[in-house]
Structure formats: structure tokens, C-alpha cells
C-alpha atoms as a PDB file:
ATOM      1  CA  MET A   1       0.000   0.000   0.000  1.00  0.00           C
ATOM      2  CA  PRO A   2       1.530   3.368  -0.930  1.00  0.00           C
ATOM      3  CA  ARG A   3       2.659   5.651   1.822  1.00  0.00           C
ATOM      4  CA  PRO A   4       0.526   8.768   2.190  1.00  0.00           C
ATOM      5  CA  ARG A   5       2.377  11.973   1.475  1.00  0.00           C
ATOM      6  CA  ASN A   6       1.853  14.769   3.897  1.00  0.00           C
ATOM      7  CA  ARG A   7       2.956  18.365   4.124  1.00  0.00           C
ATOM      8  CA  ARG A   8       4.845  17.844   7.361  1.00  0.00           C
ATOM      9  CA  ARG A   9       7.059  15.256   5.685  1.00  0.00           C
ATOM     10  CA  LEU A  10       7.693  17.401   2.637  1.00  0.00           C
ATOM     11  CA  ALA A  11       8.352  20.498   4.727  1.00  0.00           C
ATOM     12  CA  GLY A  12      10.920  18.854   7.007  1.00  0.00           C
ATOM     13  CA  PRO A  13      13.867  21.000   7.940  1.00  0.00           C
ATOM     14  CA  PRO A  14      17.197  20.383   6.232  1.00  0.00           C
ATOM     15  CA  GLY A  15      20.274  19.499   8.226  1.00  0.00           C
ATOM     16  CA  PRO A  16      21.023  17.193  11.142  1.00  0.00           C
ATOM     17  CA  HIS A  17      18.153  15.437  12.809  1.00  0.00           C
ATOM     18  CA  HIS A  18      17.244  12.302  14.733  1.00  0.00           C
ATOM     19  CA  GLU A  19      15.222   9.475  13.109  1.00  0.00           C
ATOM     20  CA  GLU A  20      12.598   7.628  15.160  1.00  0.00           C
ATOM     21  CA  THR A  21      10.460   4.650  14.186  1.00  0.00           C
ATOM     22  CA  SER A  22       7.262   3.501  15.872  1.00  0.00           C
ATOM     23  CA  ALA A  23       4.598   0.914  15.153  1.00  0.00           C
ATOM     24  CA  GLY A  24       0.983   0.314  16.038  1.00  0.00           C
ATOM     25  CA  GLY A  25      -2.377   0.088  14.405  1.00  0.00           C
ATOM     26  CA  LEU A  26      -6.086  -0.441  14.548  1.00  0.00           C
ATOM     27  CA  VAL A  27      -7.345  -3.486  16.432  1.00  0.00           C
ATOM     28  CA  VAL A  28     -10.822  -4.550  15.375  1.00  0.00           C
ATOM     29  CA  ASP A  29     -13.307  -6.882  17.060  1.00  0.00           C
ATOM     30  CA  ILE A  30     -15.575  -8.393  14.395  1.00  0.00           C
ATOM     31  CA  ALA A  31     -17.607 -10.659  16.705  1.00  0.00           C
ATOM     32  CA  GLY A  32     -21.000  -8.977  16.312  1.00  0.00           C
ATOM     33  CA  ALA A  33     -21.077  -5.350  15.172  1.00  0.00           C
ATOM     34  CA  ALA A  34     -17.542  -4.414  14.092  1.00  0.00           C
ATOM     35  CA  ARG A  35     -15.773  -2.088  16.500  1.00  0.00           C
ATOM     36  CA  ALA A  36     -12.237  -0.836  17.006  1.00  0.00           C
ATOM     37  CA  ALA A  37     -10.200   0.083  20.098  1.00  0.00           C
ATOM     38  CA  LEU A  38      -8.919   3.673  20.129  1.00  0.00           C
ATOM     39  CA  ILE A  39      -6.826   5.518  22.684  1.00  0.00           C
ATOM     40  CA  ALA A  40      -6.924   9.127  23.822  1.00  0.00           C
ATOM     41  CA  ARG A  41      -4.201  11.366  25.205  1.00  0.00           C
ATOM     42  CA  TYR A  42      -4.251  14.972  26.305  1.00  0.00           C
ATOM     43  CA  ASP A  43      -2.427  17.390  24.009  1.00  0.00           C
ATOM     44  CA  ARG A  44      -0.343  20.366  25.169  1.00  0.00           C
ATOM     45  CA  ASP A  45      -3.508  22.486  25.350  1.00  0.00           C
ATOM     46  CA  GLY A  46      -5.280  19.986  27.595  1.00  0.00           C
ATOM     47  CA  ARG A  47      -7.629  18.682  24.884  1.00  0.00           C
ATOM     48  CA  LEU A  48      -8.433  14.990  24.726  1.00  0.00           C
ATOM     49  CA  ARG A  49      -7.284  13.706  21.305  1.00  0.00           C
ATOM     50  CA  TRP A  50      -8.226  10.236  19.988  1.00  0.00           C
ATOM     51  CA  SER A  51      -5.688   8.253  17.983  1.00  0.00           C
ATOM     52  CA  LEU A  52      -4.438   4.832  17.006  1.00  0.00           C
ATOM     53  CA  PRO A  53      -2.256   3.053  19.576  1.00  0.00           C
ATOM     54  CA  LYS A  54       1.439   3.142  18.716  1.00  0.00           C
ATOM     55  CA  GLY A  55       4.883   3.253  20.273  1.00  0.00           C
ATOM     56  CA  HIS A  56       8.604   2.758  19.875  1.00  0.00           C
ATOM     57  CA  ILE A  57      10.219  -0.420  18.643  1.00  0.00           C
ATOM     58  CA  GLU A  58      12.187  -2.051  21.466  1.00  0.00           C
ATOM     59  CA  GLY A  59      15.461  -3.911  21.107  1.00  0.00           C
ATOM     60  CA  ALA A  60      15.478  -6.444  18.275  1.00  0.00           C
ATOM     61  CA  GLU A  61      11.702  -6.340  17.730  1.00  0.00           C
ATOM     62  CA  THR A  62      10.354  -6.302  14.218  1.00  0.00           C
ATOM     63  CA  ILE A  63       7.915  -3.577  13.228  1.00  0.00           C
ATOM     64  CA  GLU A  64       5.122  -6.159  13.356  1.00  0.00           C
ATOM     65  CA  GLU A  65       6.081  -7.428  16.830  1.00  0.00           C
ATOM     66  CA  ALA A  66       6.201  -3.858  18.120  1.00  0.00           C
ATOM     67  CA  ALA A  67       2.784  -3.095  16.602  1.00  0.00           C
ATOM     68  CA  VAL A  68       1.166  -6.098  18.325  1.00  0.00           C
ATOM     69  CA  ARG A  69       2.862  -5.306  21.661  1.00  0.00           C
ATOM     70  CA  GLU A  70       2.043  -1.581  21.586  1.00  0.00           C
ATOM     71  CA  VAL A  71      -1.614  -2.170  20.704  1.00  0.00           C
ATOM     72  CA  GLU A  72      -1.945  -4.585  23.626  1.00  0.00           C
ATOM     73  CA  GLU A  73      -0.041  -2.356  26.059  1.00  0.00           C
ATOM     74  CA  GLU A  74      -2.107   0.713  25.217  1.00  0.00           C
ATOM     75  CA  THR A  75      -5.563  -0.880  24.839  1.00  0.00           C
ATOM     76  CA  GLY A  76      -5.428  -4.178  26.751  1.00  0.00           C
ATOM     77  CA  ILE A  77      -6.508  -5.995  23.576  1.00  0.00           C
ATOM     78  CA  ARG A  78      -4.380  -8.738  22.004  1.00  0.00           C
ATOM     79  CA  GLY A  79      -4.515  -8.982  18.254  1.00  0.00           C
ATOM     80  CA  ARG A  80      -2.988 -10.592  15.197  1.00  0.00           C
ATOM     81  CA  ILE A  81      -1.962  -8.602  12.153  1.00  0.00           C
ATOM     82  CA  VAL A  82      -4.033  -9.239   9.032  1.00  0.00           C
ATOM     83  CA  ALA A  83      -2.937  -6.314   6.839  1.00  0.00           C
ATOM     84  CA  ARG A  84      -0.594  -3.355   6.618  1.00  0.00           C
ATOM     85  CA  LEU A  85      -2.431  -0.011   6.695  1.00  0.00           C
ATOM     86  CA  GLY A  86       0.527   2.189   5.748  1.00  0.00           C
ATOM     87  CA  SER A  87       3.003   4.599   7.280  1.00  0.00           C
ATOM     88  CA  ILE A  88       2.860   8.201   8.420  1.00  0.00           C
ATOM     89  CA  ASP A  89       5.867  10.410   8.934  1.00  0.00           C
ATOM     90  CA  TYR A  90       6.242  13.847  10.467  1.00  0.00           C
ATOM     91  CA  TRP A  91       8.714  16.278  12.027  1.00  0.00           C
ATOM     92  CA  PHE A  92       8.762  17.715  15.529  1.00  0.00           C
ATOM     93  CA  SER A  93      11.160  19.332  17.985  1.00  0.00           C
ATOM     94  CA  ALA A  94      12.082  17.639  21.224  1.00  0.00           C
ATOM     95  CA  SER A  95      14.150  19.078  24.043  1.00  0.00           C
ATOM     96  CA  HIS A  96      17.145  17.113  25.221  1.00  0.00           C
ATOM     97  CA  ALA A  97      16.325  18.134  28.755  1.00  0.00           C
ATOM     98  CA  ARG A  98      13.221  19.316  30.531  1.00  0.00           C
ATOM     99  CA  HIS A  99      12.875  23.117  30.315  1.00  0.00           C
ATOM    100  CA  ALA A 100      15.766  23.364  27.855  1.00  0.00           C
ATOM    101  CA  PRO A 101      16.079  26.599  25.888  1.00  0.00           C
ATOM    102  CA  PRO A 102      14.924  26.366  22.240  1.00  0.00           C
ATOM    103  CA  SER A 103      18.543  26.290  21.062  1.00  0.00           C
ATOM    104  CA  ARG A 104      18.885  22.861  22.717  1.00  0.00           C
ATOM    105  CA  ASP A 105      15.919  21.364  20.869  1.00  0.00           C
ATOM    106  CA  ARG A 106      16.651  18.504  18.518  1.00  0.00           C
ATOM    107  CA  ARG A 107      14.751  17.965  15.307  1.00  0.00           C
ATOM    108  CA  VAL A 108      13.100  14.587  15.018  1.00  0.00           C
ATOM    109  CA  HIS A 109      11.775  12.871  11.914  1.00  0.00           C
ATOM    110  CA  LYS A 110       9.377  10.144  13.023  1.00  0.00           C
ATOM    111  CA  THR A 111       7.904   7.329  10.940  1.00  0.00           C
ATOM    112  CA  VAL A 112       4.986   5.312  12.317  1.00  0.00           C
ATOM    113  CA  HIS A 113       4.047   1.991  10.681  1.00  0.00           C
ATOM    114  CA  HIS A 114       0.363   1.061  11.137  1.00  0.00           C
ATOM    115  CA  HIS A 115      -1.288  -2.344  10.795  1.00  0.00           C
ATOM    116  CA  LEU A 116      -4.801  -3.759  10.928  1.00  0.00           C
ATOM    117  CA  LEU A 117      -5.208  -6.345  13.683  1.00  0.00           C
ATOM    118  CA  LEU A 118      -8.061  -8.682  14.495  1.00  0.00           C
ATOM    119  CA  ALA A 119      -8.756  -8.928  18.232  1.00  0.00           C
ATOM    120  CA  THR A 120      -7.869 -12.338  19.687  1.00  0.00           C
ATOM    121  CA  GLY A 121      -8.380 -11.645  23.406  1.00  0.00           C
ATOM    122  CA  GLY A 122      -7.765  -9.323  26.293  1.00  0.00           C
ATOM    123  CA  VAL A 123      -9.919  -6.773  28.064  1.00  0.00           C
ATOM    124  CA  LEU A 124     -10.154  -3.100  27.148  1.00  0.00           C
ATOM    125  CA  SER A 125      -8.021  -1.234  29.698  1.00  0.00           C
ATOM    126  CA  ASP A 126      -6.558   2.228  30.222  1.00  0.00           C
ATOM    127  CA  THR A 127      -3.855   1.099  32.663  1.00  0.00           C
ATOM    128  CA  ASP A 128      -1.009   2.361  30.430  1.00  0.00           C
ATOM    129  CA  PRO A 129       0.179   5.611  32.066  1.00  0.00           C
ATOM    130  CA  GLU A 130       0.601   7.266  28.649  1.00  0.00           C
ATOM    131  CA  VAL A 131      -3.091   6.749  27.815  1.00  0.00           C
ATOM    132  CA  ALA A 132      -5.873   8.910  29.277  1.00  0.00           C
ATOM    133  CA  GLU A 133      -8.795   6.868  27.907  1.00  0.00           C
ATOM    134  CA  VAL A 134      -9.545   3.848  25.733  1.00  0.00           C
ATOM    135  CA  ALA A 135     -12.831   3.023  24.045  1.00  0.00           C
ATOM    136  CA  TRP A 136     -14.475   0.571  21.717  1.00  0.00           C
ATOM    137  CA  VAL A 137     -15.784   2.658  18.818  1.00  0.00           C
ATOM    138  CA  PRO A 138     -18.151   1.341  16.135  1.00  0.00           C
ATOM    139  CA  LEU A 139     -16.060   0.827  13.014  1.00  0.00           C
ATOM    140  CA  ALA A 140     -18.214   3.260  11.027  1.00  0.00           C
ATOM    141  CA  GLU A 141     -17.387   6.032  13.556  1.00  0.00           C
ATOM    142  CA  VAL A 142     -13.614   5.507  13.877  1.00  0.00           C
ATOM    143  CA  ALA A 143     -12.515   8.024  11.229  1.00  0.00           C
ATOM    144  CA  GLY A 144     -14.764  10.692  12.721  1.00  0.00           C
ATOM    145  CA  ARG A 145     -13.245  10.183  16.166  1.00  0.00           C
ATOM    146  CA  LEU A 146      -9.572  10.312  15.129  1.00  0.00           C
ATOM    147  CA  ALA A 147      -7.833  13.654  15.673  1.00  0.00           C
ATOM    148  CA  HIS A 148      -5.248  13.325  12.884  1.00  0.00           C
ATOM    149  CA  ALA A 149      -6.107  13.467   9.174  1.00  0.00           C
ATOM    150  CA  ASP A 150      -3.243  11.100   8.319  1.00  0.00           C
ATOM    151  CA  GLU A 151      -4.731   8.417  10.582  1.00  0.00           C
ATOM    152  CA  ARG A 152      -8.221   9.023   9.157  1.00  0.00           C
ATOM    153  CA  ARG A 153      -6.823   8.361   5.665  1.00  0.00           C
ATOM    154  CA  LEU A 154      -5.214   5.104   6.818  1.00  0.00           C
ATOM    155  CA  VAL A 155      -8.439   3.707   8.279  1.00  0.00           C
ATOM    156  CA  ALA A 156     -10.693   4.777   5.395  1.00  0.00           C
ATOM    157  CA  HIS A 157     -10.324   1.428   3.603  1.00  0.00           C
ATOM    158  CA  VAL A 158     -10.511  -0.843   6.643  1.00  0.00           C
ATOM    159  CA  PRO A 159     -14.036  -2.146   5.880  1.00  0.00           C
ATOM    160  CA  GLU A 160     -12.925  -3.299   2.414  1.00  0.00           C
ATOM    161  CA  ILE A 161      -9.752  -4.857   3.830  1.00  0.00           C
ATOM    162  CA  LEU A 162     -11.809  -6.747   6.428  1.00  0.00           C
ATOM    163  CA  VAL A 163     -14.061  -8.194   3.716  1.00  0.00           C
ATOM    164  CA  ALA A 164     -10.969  -9.479   1.900  1.00  0.00           C
ATOM    165  CA  VAL A 165      -9.266 -11.040   4.938  1.00  0.00           C
ATOM    166  CA  THR A 166     -12.181 -12.520   6.894  1.00  0.00           C
END
């Protein structure tokens, strides 16, 4: 599946930067009415923003192993990957130290690889300290709940993918 192009990727600053890679995805329960587990975090302005679960790759993990682990850690739901949804990349600034002056910020180019997972077990849980809320959302409402346009584009074709893989 082609990688979506986005303005943040194209407008990335030239020069030295740090590369980061994360993985995650959309875990769907298709027993009964299809629904998906989403997470919410508070942004810098204190607004609750819904998104797909994702996180850093640890050690020698593959992207797929990290996606399965991160989805379970952040939602409580175990899943198995059935399709690749695509990747999103963006730029941001991160301070090396808390309260560092802007001159100490480092530029980060992050790529997040997303997958479609079918739920295989677990219980929806918001015990991950990085997650403010988790919720089962009817599949037809997922795109409308997501805060980021790039993630909405990735999940747009999930119903068709599910028909093909189930």
C-alpha cells in the first residue's frame, strides 16, 4: 500500500536530525457489530485527542512485533496482524532536557508503521500511564473520532480490507 504523502514530511527542515520509528495500528473486534479500540491522550492544550495506539520499537523487535505489543499495552486488547495499513511520517522538535532553551531542541523525523489487527483476546483497559482513555468505537465512527487526518486516511479502507481477509 503506498505511503501517504503529507505536508509535514515534505516540509521537514534540512540538516542534522534524529530518526525515530514507531509501530501500532487499529485493532478490530468483528464478533458482532464491528468495533475498534482507540486511545486518547491529552495534548499540550489539555484537549483529549483520539488516535491509534502506537509506540517505539524495542530492542530487536520487528515492526510487526512492536505493533502487536504496543496495541496490547495501550488498549489491553491482544490482536494478530491481518494487513498493513501504511506509514505516516512527520517532524517535531524535542528538548534534550526538561525546560531546555529552544537552542537545545533537537529535530526529530518520526515514521509510524500502522497495521490492521483482528482482536484475539484481552480486556479493554486504560492502565497504560501514557493513555488517558480507551474506548471501543463502532467501526463506522472511527474516522470521525480520530484527531489526525493522516490516521483518518489510513483507516478509510478498513471495511474493504476486512471483507478481503475474513
